[in-house]
């Protein structure tokens, strides 16, 4: 558990330092994300982005357990 928390902290720090470049990655605007725009109303639900992030996190955690 200690190793997971340390790695998560380091990843958060690296993400904060590299935010300028990470903002260019098209996550949140992938095909399949739900985006509804109507008069006076906007709704955005990045379902495909959530699935991709979940798969990546699961793979990383699986590799760390090995």
C-alpha atoms as a PDB file:
ATOM      1  CA  UNK A   1       0.000   0.000   0.000  1.00  0.00           C
ATOM      2  CA  UNK A   2       2.849   2.374   0.745  1.00  0.00           C
ATOM      3  CA  UNK A   3       4.289   1.883  -2.725  1.00  0.00           C
ATOM      4  CA  UNK A   4       0.920   2.595  -4.358  1.00  0.00           C
ATOM      5  CA  UNK A   5       0.503   5.844  -2.416  1.00  0.00           C
ATOM      6  CA  UNK A   6       4.036   6.974  -3.233  1.00  0.00           C
ATOM      7  CA  UNK A   7       3.574   6.214  -6.939  1.00  0.00           C
ATOM      8  CA  UNK A   8       0.191   7.985  -6.962  1.00  0.00           C
ATOM      9  CA  UNK A   9       1.743  11.038  -5.318  1.00  0.00           C
ATOM     10  CA  UNK A  10       4.618  11.133  -7.785  1.00  0.00           C
ATOM     11  CA  UNK A  11       2.170  10.798 -10.704  1.00  0.00           C
ATOM     12  CA  UNK A  12       0.095  13.686  -9.349  1.00  0.00           C
ATOM     13  CA  UNK A  13       3.188  15.859  -9.059  1.00  0.00           C
ATOM     14  CA  UNK A  14       4.319  14.960 -12.588  1.00  0.00           C
ATOM     15  CA  UNK A  15       0.831  15.646 -13.956  1.00  0.00           C
ATOM     16  CA  UNK A  16       0.837  19.033 -12.251  1.00  0.00           C
ATOM     17  CA  UNK A  17       4.233  19.916 -13.677  1.00  0.00           C
ATOM     18  CA  UNK A  18       3.331  18.741 -17.172  1.00  0.00           C
ATOM     19  CA  UNK A  19      -0.199  20.142 -17.298  1.00  0.00           C
ATOM     20  CA  UNK A  20       0.591  22.407 -20.260  1.00  0.00           C
ATOM     21  CA  UNK A  21       1.453  19.398 -22.418  1.00  0.00           C
ATOM     22  CA  UNK A  22      -1.159  17.076 -20.923  1.00  0.00           C
ATOM     23  CA  UNK A  23      -3.934  19.533 -21.811  1.00  0.00           C
ATOM     24  CA  UNK A  24      -3.223  18.878 -25.494  1.00  0.00           C
ATOM     25  CA  UNK A  25      -4.160  15.182 -25.153  1.00  0.00           C
ATOM     26  CA  UNK A  26      -7.699  14.768 -26.507  1.00  0.00           C
ATOM     27  CA  UNK A  27      -9.091  13.017 -23.415  1.00  0.00           C
ATOM     28  CA  UNK A  28     -12.585  14.249 -22.689  1.00  0.00           C
ATOM     29  CA  UNK A  29     -13.236  14.715 -26.402  1.00  0.00           C
ATOM     30  CA  UNK A  30     -13.013  11.125 -27.616  1.00  0.00           C
ATOM     31  CA  UNK A  31     -15.561   9.665 -30.043  1.00  0.00           C
ATOM     32  CA  UNK A  32     -18.378   8.183 -27.995  1.00  0.00           C
ATOM     33  CA  UNK A  33     -18.336  10.859 -25.302  1.00  0.00           C
ATOM     34  CA  UNK A  34     -21.805  12.295 -24.756  1.00  0.00           C
ATOM     35  CA  UNK A  35     -22.134  16.021 -25.387  1.00  0.00           C
ATOM     36  CA  UNK A  36     -25.560  17.649 -25.541  1.00  0.00           C
ATOM     37  CA  UNK A  37     -25.931  21.354 -26.258  1.00  0.00           C
ATOM     38  CA  UNK A  38     -29.334  23.027 -26.164  1.00  0.00           C
ATOM     39  CA  UNK A  39     -30.467  26.575 -25.675  1.00  0.00           C
ATOM     40  CA  UNK A  40     -29.307  27.619 -22.214  1.00  0.00           C
ATOM     41  CA  UNK A  41     -28.104  24.101 -21.383  1.00  0.00           C
ATOM     42  CA  UNK A  42     -24.945  22.109 -21.953  1.00  0.00           C
ATOM     43  CA  UNK A  43     -24.232  18.578 -20.735  1.00  0.00           C
ATOM     44  CA  UNK A  44     -20.976  16.687 -21.205  1.00  0.00           C
ATOM     45  CA  UNK A  45     -20.362  13.134 -19.983  1.00  0.00           C
ATOM     46  CA  UNK A  46     -17.009  11.636 -21.080  1.00  0.00           C
ATOM     47  CA  UNK A  47     -18.021   7.957 -20.856  1.00  0.00           C
ATOM     48  CA  UNK A  48     -15.427   6.627 -23.333  1.00  0.00           C
ATOM     49  CA  UNK A  49     -12.713   8.694 -21.665  1.00  0.00           C
ATOM     50  CA  UNK A  50     -13.667   7.185 -18.287  1.00  0.00           C
ATOM     51  CA  UNK A  51     -13.488   3.676 -19.737  1.00  0.00           C
ATOM     52  CA  UNK A  52     -10.043   4.312 -21.264  1.00  0.00           C
ATOM     53  CA  UNK A  53      -8.699   5.785 -18.024  1.00  0.00           C
ATOM     54  CA  UNK A  54     -10.119   2.831 -16.060  1.00  0.00           C
ATOM     55  CA  UNK A  55      -8.405   0.337 -18.356  1.00  0.00           C
ATOM     56  CA  UNK A  56      -5.068   2.157 -18.091  1.00  0.00           C
ATOM     57  CA  UNK A  57      -5.248   2.372 -14.285  1.00  0.00           C
ATOM     58  CA  UNK A  58      -6.226  -1.307 -14.048  1.00  0.00           C
ATOM     59  CA  UNK A  59      -3.278  -2.296 -16.252  1.00  0.00           C
ATOM     60  CA  UNK A  60      -0.826  -0.216 -14.221  1.00  0.00           C
ATOM     61  CA  UNK A  61      -2.067  -1.650 -10.932  1.00  0.00           C
ATOM     62  CA  UNK A  62      -1.925  -5.174 -12.373  1.00  0.00           C
ATOM     63  CA  UNK A  63       1.696  -4.596 -13.429  1.00  0.00           C
ATOM     64  CA  UNK A  64       2.618  -3.194 -10.006  1.00  0.00           C
ATOM     65  CA  UNK A  65       1.214  -6.271  -8.260  1.00  0.00           C
ATOM     66  CA  UNK A  66       3.347  -8.654 -10.330  1.00  0.00           C
END
